Amino acid sequence: MTRPPLVLTVAGSDSGGGAGIQADLKTMLALGVHGMSVITAVTAQNSQGVRGAWELPEEAVRAQYRAVVDDIGVQAVKTGMLASAALVETVAELLAGTDAPVVVDPVGVSKHGDPLLAASALDSVRTKLLPVATVATPNLDEVAQLTGVRVGSEADLAEAAAAILSYGPRWALIKGGHLEGEAVDLLTDGDEEHRFRAPRHDNRHTHGTGCTLASALASGLAKGLSVPEAVREAKAYVTGAIAAGFALGAGIGPVDHGWRFRA
């Protein structure tokens, strides 16, 4: 039997199943890779918001990571919610010693506006985590949080990308989903530039979009795709998942990670 590519997610748990570790593993399964996990925090959340969050000790995160990487190996890593400066720095150190592409989703707040990263951790993200990233995938709120650059139109995306690249990732993928009109993302390494466009779907059930895109991107990299090819495939997958997003509970429902199985 042929073994599928191996992808590791380092992120928080979402008890509602729409984002975080749960979204990552669903995405990886849907895209034909073997997903593995390092849980950094446990959240109590549902369709209406985050009721509580508890980060794991550094030694627990380190032990999970080493257990997977030292025995099974990994062909790509994706990071999500890291919660604190201590965890950011622990994970950055682990990633620096791992020979695999890294997708950093610098999660700052939840879809509902709940903080998932301590303000004191922002400098560690800038100076420790982003420098080890193959691709950083901030949304516009995260760009503003990390760099101070506020994007009001597509014309501002290049400035945002340059600001993120100044911290050291090889590529920046600036997600423009919060802009009016077409959903356009800008990918650049400072030389090449690619824009990925998709129609905007009139669907409020979009919980987990950032986690899903980053996990899909890591899955493509694990398969050996180039960064632009992996982003193109990830964008197509998450666009379909957004279109199929469904109501869950009384608030914002998740994207549908299994949409291709029902298409």
C-alpha atoms as a PDB file:
ATOM      1  CA  MET A   1       0.000   0.000   0.000  1.00  0.00           C
ATOM      2  CA  THR A   2       1.207   3.503  -0.824  1.00  0.00           C
ATOM      3  CA  ARG A   3       1.607   5.805   2.159  1.00  0.00           C
ATOM      4  CA  PRO A   4      -0.008   9.239   1.739  1.00  0.00           C
ATOM      5  CA  PRO A   5       2.026  12.410   2.331  1.00  0.00           C
ATOM      6  CA  LEU A   6       2.437  13.364   5.996  1.00  0.00           C
ATOM      7  CA  VAL A   7       1.251  16.739   7.328  1.00  0.00           C
ATOM      8  CA  LEU A   8       1.423  17.974  10.922  1.00  0.00           C
ATOM      9  CA  THR A   9      -0.815  20.659  12.378  1.00  0.00           C
ATOM     10  CA  VAL A  10       0.295  22.554  15.485  1.00  0.00           C
ATOM     11  CA  ALA A  11      -2.795  24.375  16.700  1.00  0.00           C
ATOM     12  CA  GLY A  12      -5.626  24.679  19.196  1.00  0.00           C
ATOM     13  CA  SER A  13      -8.669  22.453  19.546  1.00  0.00           C
ATOM     14  CA  ASP A  14     -12.112  23.800  18.578  1.00  0.00           C
ATOM     15  CA  SER A  15     -14.807  21.911  20.492  1.00  0.00           C
ATOM     16  CA  GLY A  16     -17.394  22.964  17.897  1.00  0.00           C
ATOM     17  CA  GLY A  17     -15.436  21.194  15.152  1.00  0.00           C
ATOM     18  CA  GLY A  18     -15.356  24.068  12.651  1.00  0.00           C
ATOM     19  CA  ALA A  19     -11.840  25.443  13.057  1.00  0.00           C
ATOM     20  CA  GLY A  20      -8.512  24.578  14.679  1.00  0.00           C
ATOM     21  CA  ILE A  21      -7.200  21.036  14.873  1.00  0.00           C
ATOM     22  CA  GLN A  22     -10.564  19.614  13.855  1.00  0.00           C
ATOM     23  CA  ALA A  23     -10.772  21.682  10.669  1.00  0.00           C
ATOM     24  CA  ASP A  24      -7.135  20.939   9.859  1.00  0.00           C
ATOM     25  CA  LEU A  25      -7.537  17.171  10.078  1.00  0.00           C
ATOM     26  CA  LYS A  26     -10.773  17.191   8.059  1.00  0.00           C
ATOM     27  CA  THR A  27      -9.089  19.246   5.355  1.00  0.00           C
ATOM     28  CA  MET A  28      -6.094  16.934   5.243  1.00  0.00           C
ATOM     29  CA  LEU A  29      -8.293  13.866   4.921  1.00  0.00           C
ATOM     30  CA  ALA A  30     -10.305  15.485   2.143  1.00  0.00           C
ATOM     31  CA  LEU A  31      -7.112  16.303   0.241  1.00  0.00           C
ATOM     32  CA  GLY A  32      -5.571  12.858   0.510  1.00  0.00           C
ATOM     33  CA  VAL A  33      -2.799  13.367   3.069  1.00  0.00           C
ATOM     34  CA  HIS A  34      -2.249  11.838   6.495  1.00  0.00           C
ATOM     35  CA  GLY A  35      -2.907  14.455   9.158  1.00  0.00           C
ATOM     36  CA  MET A  36      -1.165  14.450  12.543  1.00  0.00           C
ATOM     37  CA  SER A  37      -1.542  16.908  15.395  1.00  0.00           C
ATOM     38  CA  VAL A  38       0.153  18.800  18.177  1.00  0.00           C
ATOM     39  CA  ILE A  39      -2.492  20.422  20.364  1.00  0.00           C
ATOM     40  CA  THR A  40      -1.340  23.740  21.821  1.00  0.00           C
ATOM     41  CA  ALA A  41      -4.544  24.808  23.560  1.00  0.00           C
ATOM     42  CA  VAL A  42      -8.039  23.597  24.328  1.00  0.00           C
ATOM     43  CA  THR A  43     -10.920  25.963  23.666  1.00  0.00           C
ATOM     44  CA  ALA A  44     -14.557  25.753  24.721  1.00  0.00           C
ATOM     45  CA  GLN A  45     -16.346  27.253  21.733  1.00  0.00           C
ATOM     46  CA  ASN A  46     -19.435  26.884  19.621  1.00  0.00           C
ATOM     47  CA  SER A  47     -21.176  28.751  16.798  1.00  0.00           C
ATOM     48  CA  GLN A  48     -21.573  31.839  18.979  1.00  0.00           C
ATOM     49  CA  GLY A  49     -18.040  32.330  20.255  1.00  0.00           C
ATOM     50  CA  VAL A  50     -15.196  31.185  22.492  1.00  0.00           C
ATOM     51  CA  ARG A  51     -16.259  30.605  26.112  1.00  0.00           C
ATOM     52  CA  GLY A  52     -12.811  29.740  27.408  1.00  0.00           C
ATOM     53  CA  ALA A  53      -9.281  28.773  26.349  1.00  0.00           C
ATOM     54  CA  TRP A  54      -6.545  26.887  28.201  1.00  0.00           C
ATOM     55  CA  GLU A  55      -3.046  26.617  26.759  1.00  0.00           C
ATOM     56  CA  LEU A  56      -1.021  23.446  27.254  1.00  0.00           C
ATOM     57  CA  PRO A  57       2.371  23.478  28.996  1.00  0.00           C
ATOM     58  CA  GLU A  58       5.422  23.927  26.794  1.00  0.00           C
ATOM     59  CA  GLU A  59       6.672  20.462  27.686  1.00  0.00           C
ATOM     60  CA  ALA A  60       3.397  18.898  26.499  1.00  0.00           C
ATOM     61  CA  VAL A  61       3.636  20.692  23.153  1.00  0.00           C
ATOM     62  CA  ARG A  62       7.290  19.768  22.755  1.00  0.00           C
ATOM     63  CA  ALA A  63       6.620  16.114  23.640  1.00  0.00           C
ATOM     64  CA  GLN A  64       3.793  15.807  21.108  1.00  0.00           C
ATOM     65  CA  TYR A  65       5.918  17.349  18.372  1.00  0.00           C
ATOM     66  CA  ARG A  66       8.977  15.206  19.034  1.00  0.00           C
ATOM     67  CA  ALA A  67       6.872  12.035  19.308  1.00  0.00           C
ATOM     68  CA  VAL A  68       5.482  12.580  15.813  1.00  0.00           C
ATOM     69  CA  VAL A  69       8.480  14.016  13.979  1.00  0.00           C
ATOM     70  CA  ASP A  70      11.141  11.706  15.453  1.00  0.00           C
ATOM     71  CA  ASP A  71       9.244   8.498  14.683  1.00  0.00           C
ATOM     72  CA  ILE A  72       6.827   9.130  11.815  1.00  0.00           C
ATOM     73  CA  GLY A  73       8.388  12.099  10.077  1.00  0.00           C
ATOM     74  CA  VAL A  74       6.640  14.949   8.313  1.00  0.00           C
ATOM     75  CA  GLN A  75       6.522  16.487   4.831  1.00  0.00           C
ATOM     76  CA  ALA A  76       4.843  19.769   5.778  1.00  0.00           C
ATOM     77  CA  VAL A  77       3.816  21.559   8.970  1.00  0.00           C
ATOM     78  CA  LYS A  78       0.998  24.043   9.540  1.00  0.00           C
ATOM     79  CA  THR A  79       0.715  26.244  12.627  1.00  0.00           C
ATOM     80  CA  GLY A  80      -2.424  27.890  13.962  1.00  0.00           C
ATOM     81  CA  MET A  81      -3.393  29.069  17.440  1.00  0.00           C
ATOM     82  CA  LEU A  82      -0.267  29.290  19.636  1.00  0.00           C
ATOM     83  CA  ALA A  83      -1.792  31.442  22.404  1.00  0.00           C
ATOM     84  CA  SER A  84       1.285  32.757  24.254  1.00  0.00           C
ATOM     85  CA  ALA A  85       4.832  34.011  23.706  1.00  0.00           C
ATOM     86  CA  ALA A  86       6.222  30.915  25.414  1.00  0.00           C
ATOM     87  CA  LEU A  87       4.376  28.578  23.051  1.00  0.00           C
ATOM     88  CA  VAL A  88       5.248  30.676  19.979  1.00  0.00           C
ATOM     89  CA  GLU A  89       8.933  30.496  20.879  1.00  0.00           C
ATOM     90  CA  THR A  90       8.786  26.773  21.690  1.00  0.00           C
ATOM     91  CA  VAL A  91       7.125  25.960  18.373  1.00  0.00           C
ATOM     92  CA  ALA A  92       9.447  28.250  16.397  1.00  0.00           C
ATOM     93  CA  GLU A  93      12.463  26.451  17.874  1.00  0.00           C
ATOM     94  CA  LEU A  94      11.006  23.067  16.918  1.00  0.00           C
ATOM     95  CA  LEU A  95      10.222  24.207  13.388  1.00  0.00           C
ATOM     96  CA  ALA A  96      13.719  25.600  12.885  1.00  0.00           C
ATOM     97  CA  GLY A  97      15.094  22.103  13.398  1.00  0.00           C
ATOM     98  CA  THR A  98      12.638  20.401  11.030  1.00  0.00           C
ATOM     99  CA  ASP A  99      13.422  19.902   7.340  1.00  0.00           C
ATOM    100  CA  ALA A 100       9.945  20.480   5.902  1.00  0.00           C
ATOM    101  CA  PRO A 101       7.987  23.432   4.508  1.00  0.00           C
ATOM    102  CA  VAL A 102       6.079  25.399   7.144  1.00  0.00           C
ATOM    103  CA  VAL A 103       2.784  27.255   6.695  1.00  0.00           C
ATOM    104  CA  VAL A 104       2.231  29.819   9.451  1.00  0.00           C
ATOM    105  CA  ASP A 105      -1.328  31.006   9.985  1.00  0.00           C
ATOM    106  CA  PRO A 106      -0.741  33.771  12.567  1.00  0.00           C
ATOM    107  CA  VAL A 107      -4.065  33.345  14.327  1.00  0.00           C
ATOM    108  CA  GLY A 108      -4.917  36.410  16.385  1.00  0.00           C
ATOM    109  CA  VAL A 109      -8.686  36.352  16.887  1.00  0.00           C
ATOM    110  CA  SER A 110     -11.531  33.941  16.243  1.00  0.00           C
ATOM    111  CA  LYS A 111     -14.232  34.413  13.615  1.00  0.00           C
ATOM    112  CA  HIS A 112     -16.362  35.861  16.418  1.00  0.00           C
ATOM    113  CA  GLY A 113     -13.716  38.396  17.476  1.00  0.00           C
ATOM    114  CA  ASP A 114     -12.455  36.513  20.521  1.00  0.00           C
ATOM    115  CA  PRO A 115      -8.690  36.895  21.158  1.00  0.00           C
ATOM    116  CA  LEU A 116      -6.654  33.710  20.603  1.00  0.00           C
ATOM    117  CA  LEU A 117      -3.162  35.197  20.907  1.00  0.00           C
ATOM    118  CA  ALA A 118      -1.868  37.201  23.848  1.00  0.00           C
ATOM    119  CA  ALA A 119      -0.798  40.730  22.922  1.00  0.00           C
ATOM    120  CA  SER A 120       2.539  39.993  24.592  1.00  0.00           C
ATOM    121  CA  ALA A 121       3.144  37.237  22.012  1.00  0.00           C
ATOM    122  CA  LEU A 122       3.052  39.481  18.941  1.00  0.00           C
ATOM    123  CA  ASP A 123       6.740  40.295  19.054  1.00  0.00           C
ATOM    124  CA  SER A 124       7.594  36.594  19.295  1.00  0.00           C
ATOM    125  CA  VAL A 125       5.479  35.924  16.207  1.00  0.00           C
ATOM    126  CA  ARG A 126       7.354  38.657  14.334  1.00  0.00           C
ATOM    127  CA  THR A 127      10.873  37.751  15.429  1.00  0.00           C
ATOM    128  CA  LYS A 128      10.734  33.979  16.029  1.00  0.00           C
ATOM    129  CA  LEU A 129       7.857  32.389  14.102  1.00  0.00           C
ATOM    130  CA  LEU A 130       7.613  34.307  10.827  1.00  0.00           C
ATOM    131  CA  PRO A 131      11.335  33.873  10.066  1.00  0.00           C
ATOM    132  CA  VAL A 132      10.924  30.063   9.926  1.00  0.00           C
ATOM    133  CA  ALA A 133       7.826  30.178   7.697  1.00  0.00           C
ATOM    134  CA  THR A 134       7.827  29.012   4.109  1.00  0.00           C
ATOM    135  CA  VAL A 135       4.485  30.787   3.696  1.00  0.00           C
ATOM    136  CA  ALA A 136       2.728  33.140   6.119  1.00  0.00           C
ATOM    137  CA  THR A 137      -1.035  33.451   5.579  1.00  0.00           C
ATOM    138  CA  PRO A 138      -2.383  36.445   7.546  1.00  0.00           C
ATOM    139  CA  ASN A 139      -5.814  37.923   6.982  1.00  0.00           C
ATOM    140  CA  LEU A 140      -6.203  41.685   6.944  1.00  0.00           C
ATOM    141  CA  ASP A 141      -6.848  41.982  10.694  1.00  0.00           C
ATOM    142  CA  GLU A 142      -3.718  39.943  11.403  1.00  0.00           C
ATOM    143  CA  VAL A 143      -1.683  42.096   9.002  1.00  0.00           C
ATOM    144  CA  ALA A 144      -2.776  45.186  10.930  1.00  0.00           C
ATOM    145  CA  GLN A 145      -2.063  43.498  14.268  1.00  0.00           C
ATOM    146  CA  LEU A 146       1.439  42.436  13.236  1.00  0.00           C
ATOM    147  CA  THR A 147       2.586  45.342  11.040  1.00  0.00           C
ATOM    148  CA  GLY A 148       0.260  48.302  11.556  1.00  0.00           C
ATOM    149  CA  VAL A 149      -0.585  48.307   7.828  1.00  0.00           C
ATOM    150  CA  ARG A 150      -4.321  48.690   7.252  1.00  0.00           C
ATOM    151  CA  VAL A 151      -5.649  47.415   3.949  1.00  0.00           C
ATOM    152  CA  GLY A 152      -8.680  49.209   2.551  1.00  0.00           C
ATOM    153  CA  SER A 153      -8.536  48.040  -1.056  1.00  0.00           C
ATOM    154  CA  GLU A 154      -6.773  45.604  -3.349  1.00  0.00           C
ATOM    155  CA  ALA A 155      -4.206  48.300  -4.099  1.00  0.00           C
ATOM    156  CA  ASP A 156      -2.966  48.069  -0.500  1.00  0.00           C
ATOM    157  CA  LEU A 157      -2.225  44.336  -0.598  1.00  0.00           C
ATOM    158  CA  ALA A 158       1.313  44.780  -1.924  1.00  0.00           C
ATOM    159  CA  GLU A 159       2.228  47.079   0.972  1.00  0.00           C
ATOM    160  CA  ALA A 160       0.833  44.537   3.414  1.00  0.00           C
ATOM    161  CA  ALA A 161       2.809  41.725   1.798  1.00  0.00           C
ATOM    162  CA  ALA A 162       6.046  43.729   1.919  1.00  0.00           C
ATOM    163  CA  ALA A 163       5.488  44.431   5.605  1.00  0.00           C
ATOM    164  CA  ILE A 164       4.983  40.733   6.376  1.00  0.00           C
ATOM    165  CA  LEU A 165       7.975  39.693   4.239  1.00  0.00           C
ATOM    166  CA  SER A 166      10.183  42.087   6.193  1.00  0.00           C
ATOM    167  CA  TYR A 167       9.917  39.662   9.136  1.00  0.00           C
ATOM    168  CA  GLY A 168      11.483  36.834   7.169  1.00  0.00           C
ATOM    169  CA  PRO A 169       8.995  34.336   5.690  1.00  0.00           C
ATOM    170  CA  ARG A 170       9.910  33.161   2.183  1.00  0.00           C
ATOM    171  CA  TRP A 171       6.399  33.893   0.873  1.00  0.00           C
ATOM    172  CA  ALA A 172       3.477  35.995   2.100  1.00  0.00           C
ATOM    173  CA  LEU A 173      -0.103  35.151   1.218  1.00  0.00           C
ATOM    174  CA  ILE A 174      -2.264  38.141   2.126  1.00  0.00           C
ATOM    175  CA  LYS A 175      -5.895  37.044   2.304  1.00  0.00           C
ATOM    176  CA  GLY A 176      -8.244  39.734   1.029  1.00  0.00           C
ATOM    177  CA  GLY A 177     -11.494  38.034   1.928  1.00  0.00           C
ATOM    178  CA  HIS A 178     -12.543  40.959   4.142  1.00  0.00           C
ATOM    179  CA  LEU A 179     -12.476  43.417   1.218  1.00  0.00           C
ATOM    180  CA  GLU A 180     -15.584  44.349  -0.727  1.00  0.00           C
ATOM    181  CA  GLY A 181     -16.293  42.604  -4.022  1.00  0.00           C
ATOM    182  CA  GLU A 182     -14.250  39.714  -5.386  1.00  0.00           C
ATOM    183  CA  ALA A 183     -12.302  37.574  -2.918  1.00  0.00           C
ATOM    184  CA  VAL A 184      -8.693  38.258  -3.963  1.00  0.00           C
ATOM    185  CA  ASP A 185      -5.533  36.980  -2.268  1.00  0.00           C
ATOM    186  CA  LEU A 186      -2.011  38.189  -3.046  1.00  0.00           C
ATOM    187  CA  LEU A 187       0.937  35.763  -2.953  1.00  0.00           C
ATOM    188  CA  THR A 188       4.476  37.092  -3.292  1.00  0.00           C
ATOM    189  CA  ASP A 189       8.064  36.336  -2.345  1.00  0.00           C
ATOM    190  CA  GLY A 190       9.106  39.896  -3.094  1.00  0.00           C
ATOM    191  CA  ASP A 191       9.935  39.076  -6.728  1.00  0.00           C
ATOM    192  CA  GLU A 192       7.152  36.899  -8.090  1.00  0.00           C
ATOM    193  CA  GLU A 193       3.565  38.050  -7.593  1.00  0.00           C
ATOM    194  CA  HIS A 194       0.399  35.996  -8.013  1.00  0.00           C
ATOM    195  CA  ARG A 195      -3.203  37.057  -7.457  1.00  0.00           C
ATOM    196  CA  PHE A 196      -5.882  34.478  -6.813  1.00  0.00           C
ATOM    197  CA  ARG A 197      -9.487  35.503  -7.383  1.00  0.00           C
ATOM    198  CA  ALA A 198     -12.746  33.810  -6.541  1.00  0.00           C
ATOM    199  CA  PRO A 199     -16.394  34.883  -6.551  1.00  0.00           C
ATOM    200  CA  ARG A 200     -17.762  35.977  -3.202  1.00  0.00           C
ATOM    201  CA  HIS A 201     -20.455  33.620  -1.911  1.00  0.00           C
ATOM    202  CA  ASP A 202     -23.420  35.026  -0.008  1.00  0.00           C
ATOM    203  CA  ASN A 203     -23.023  32.670   2.938  1.00  0.00           C
ATOM    204  CA  ARG A 204     -22.432  33.768   6.526  1.00  0.00           C
ATOM    205  CA  HIS A 205     -21.333  30.292   7.611  1.00  0.00           C
ATOM    206  CA  THR A 206     -17.576  30.714   7.173  1.00  0.00           C
ATOM    207  CA  HIS A 207     -16.116  29.535  10.485  1.00  0.00           C
ATOM    208  CA  GLY A 208     -12.737  27.902   9.917  1.00  0.00           C
ATOM    209  CA  THR A 209     -11.769  29.495   6.601  1.00  0.00           C
ATOM    210  CA  GLY A 210      -8.263  30.514   7.674  1.00  0.00           C
ATOM    211  CA  CYS A 211      -7.422  27.160   9.249  1.00  0.00           C
ATOM    212  CA  THR A 212      -8.814  25.354   6.228  1.00  0.00           C
ATOM    213  CA  LEU A 213      -6.845  27.381   3.679  1.00  0.00           C
ATOM    214  CA  ALA A 214      -3.563  27.009   5.576  1.00  0.00           C
ATOM    215  CA  SER A 215      -4.066  23.258   6.004  1.00  0.00           C
ATOM    216  CA  ALA A 216      -4.951  22.848   2.336  1.00  0.00           C
ATOM    217  CA  LEU A 217      -1.816  24.780   1.412  1.00  0.00           C
ATOM    218  CA  ALA A 218       0.349  22.591   3.654  1.00  0.00           C
ATOM    219  CA  SER A 219      -1.247  19.508   2.088  1.00  0.00           C
ATOM    220  CA  GLY A 220      -0.289  20.714  -1.384  1.00  0.00           C
ATOM    221  CA  LEU A 221       3.291  21.400  -0.309  1.00  0.00           C
ATOM    222  CA  ALA A 222       3.529  17.909   1.197  1.00  0.00           C
ATOM    223  CA  LYS A 223       2.504  16.518  -2.194  1.00  0.00           C
ATOM    224  CA  GLY A 224       5.424  18.328  -3.795  1.00  0.00           C
ATOM    225  CA  LEU A 225       3.567  21.221  -5.392  1.00  0.00           C
ATOM    226  CA  SER A 226       5.274  24.589  -5.758  1.00  0.00           C
ATOM    227  CA  VAL A 227       4.017  27.349  -3.460  1.00  0.00           C
ATOM    228  CA  PRO A 228       1.938  29.071  -6.192  1.00  0.00           C
ATOM    229  CA  GLU A 229       0.460  25.736  -7.311  1.00  0.00           C
ATOM    230  CA  ALA A 230      -0.341  24.761  -3.720  1.00  0.00           C
ATOM    231  CA  VAL A 231      -2.024  28.122  -3.078  1.00  0.00           C
ATOM    232  CA  ARG A 232      -4.089  27.788  -6.267  1.00  0.00           C
ATOM    233  CA  GLU A 233      -5.353  24.361  -5.241  1.00  0.00           C
ATOM    234  CA  ALA A 234      -5.969  25.470  -1.647  1.00  0.00           C
ATOM    235  CA  LYS A 235      -7.929  28.519  -2.817  1.00  0.00           C
ATOM    236  CA  ALA A 236     -10.141  26.334  -5.012  1.00  0.00           C
ATOM    237  CA  TYR A 237     -10.784  23.923  -2.148  1.00  0.00           C
ATOM    238  CA  VAL A 238     -11.651  26.594   0.424  1.00  0.00           C
ATOM    239  CA  THR A 239     -13.861  28.483  -2.049  1.00  0.00           C
ATOM    240  CA  GLY A 240     -15.938  25.346  -2.519  1.00  0.00           C
ATOM    241  CA  ALA A 241     -16.025  24.768   1.230  1.00  0.00           C
ATOM    242  CA  ILE A 242     -17.283  28.327   1.817  1.00  0.00           C
ATOM    243  CA  ALA A 243     -19.999  27.916  -0.809  1.00  0.00           C
ATOM    244  CA  ALA A 244     -21.180  24.758   0.974  1.00  0.00           C
ATOM    245  CA  GLY A 245     -20.910  26.167   4.523  1.00  0.00           C
ATOM    246  CA  PHE A 246     -23.883  25.196   6.665  1.00  0.00           C
ATOM    247  CA  ALA A 247     -25.819  26.436   9.685  1.00  0.00           C
ATOM    248  CA  LEU A 248     -24.788  24.978  13.024  1.00  0.00           C
ATOM    249  CA  GLY A 249     -26.179  26.128  16.352  1.00  0.00           C
ATOM    250  CA  ALA A 250     -27.471  29.661  16.739  1.00  0.00           C
ATOM    251  CA  GLY A 251     -24.471  31.566  15.331  1.00  0.00           C
ATOM    252  CA  ILE A 252     -21.912  31.247  12.536  1.00  0.00           C
ATOM    253  CA  GLY A 253     -21.654  27.760  11.084  1.00  0.00           C
ATOM    254  CA  PRO A 254     -18.559  26.130   9.565  1.00  0.00           C
ATOM    255  CA  VAL A 255     -17.376  25.724   6.027  1.00  0.00           C
ATOM    256  CA  ASP A 256     -18.021  22.232   4.674  1.00  0.00           C
ATOM    257  CA  HIS A 257     -14.735  20.344   4.600  1.00  0.00           C
ATOM    258  CA  GLY A 258     -16.364  17.364   2.868  1.00  0.00           C
ATOM    259  CA  TRP A 259     -18.010  19.334   0.055  1.00  0.00           C
ATOM    260  CA  ARG A 260     -16.176  17.442  -2.681  1.00  0.00           C
ATOM    261  CA  PHE A 261     -17.586  14.147  -1.426  1.00  0.00           C
ATOM    262  CA  ARG A 262     -21.109  15.531  -1.901  1.00  0.00           C
ATOM    263  CA  ALA A 263     -20.566  17.561  -5.067  1.00  0.00           C
END
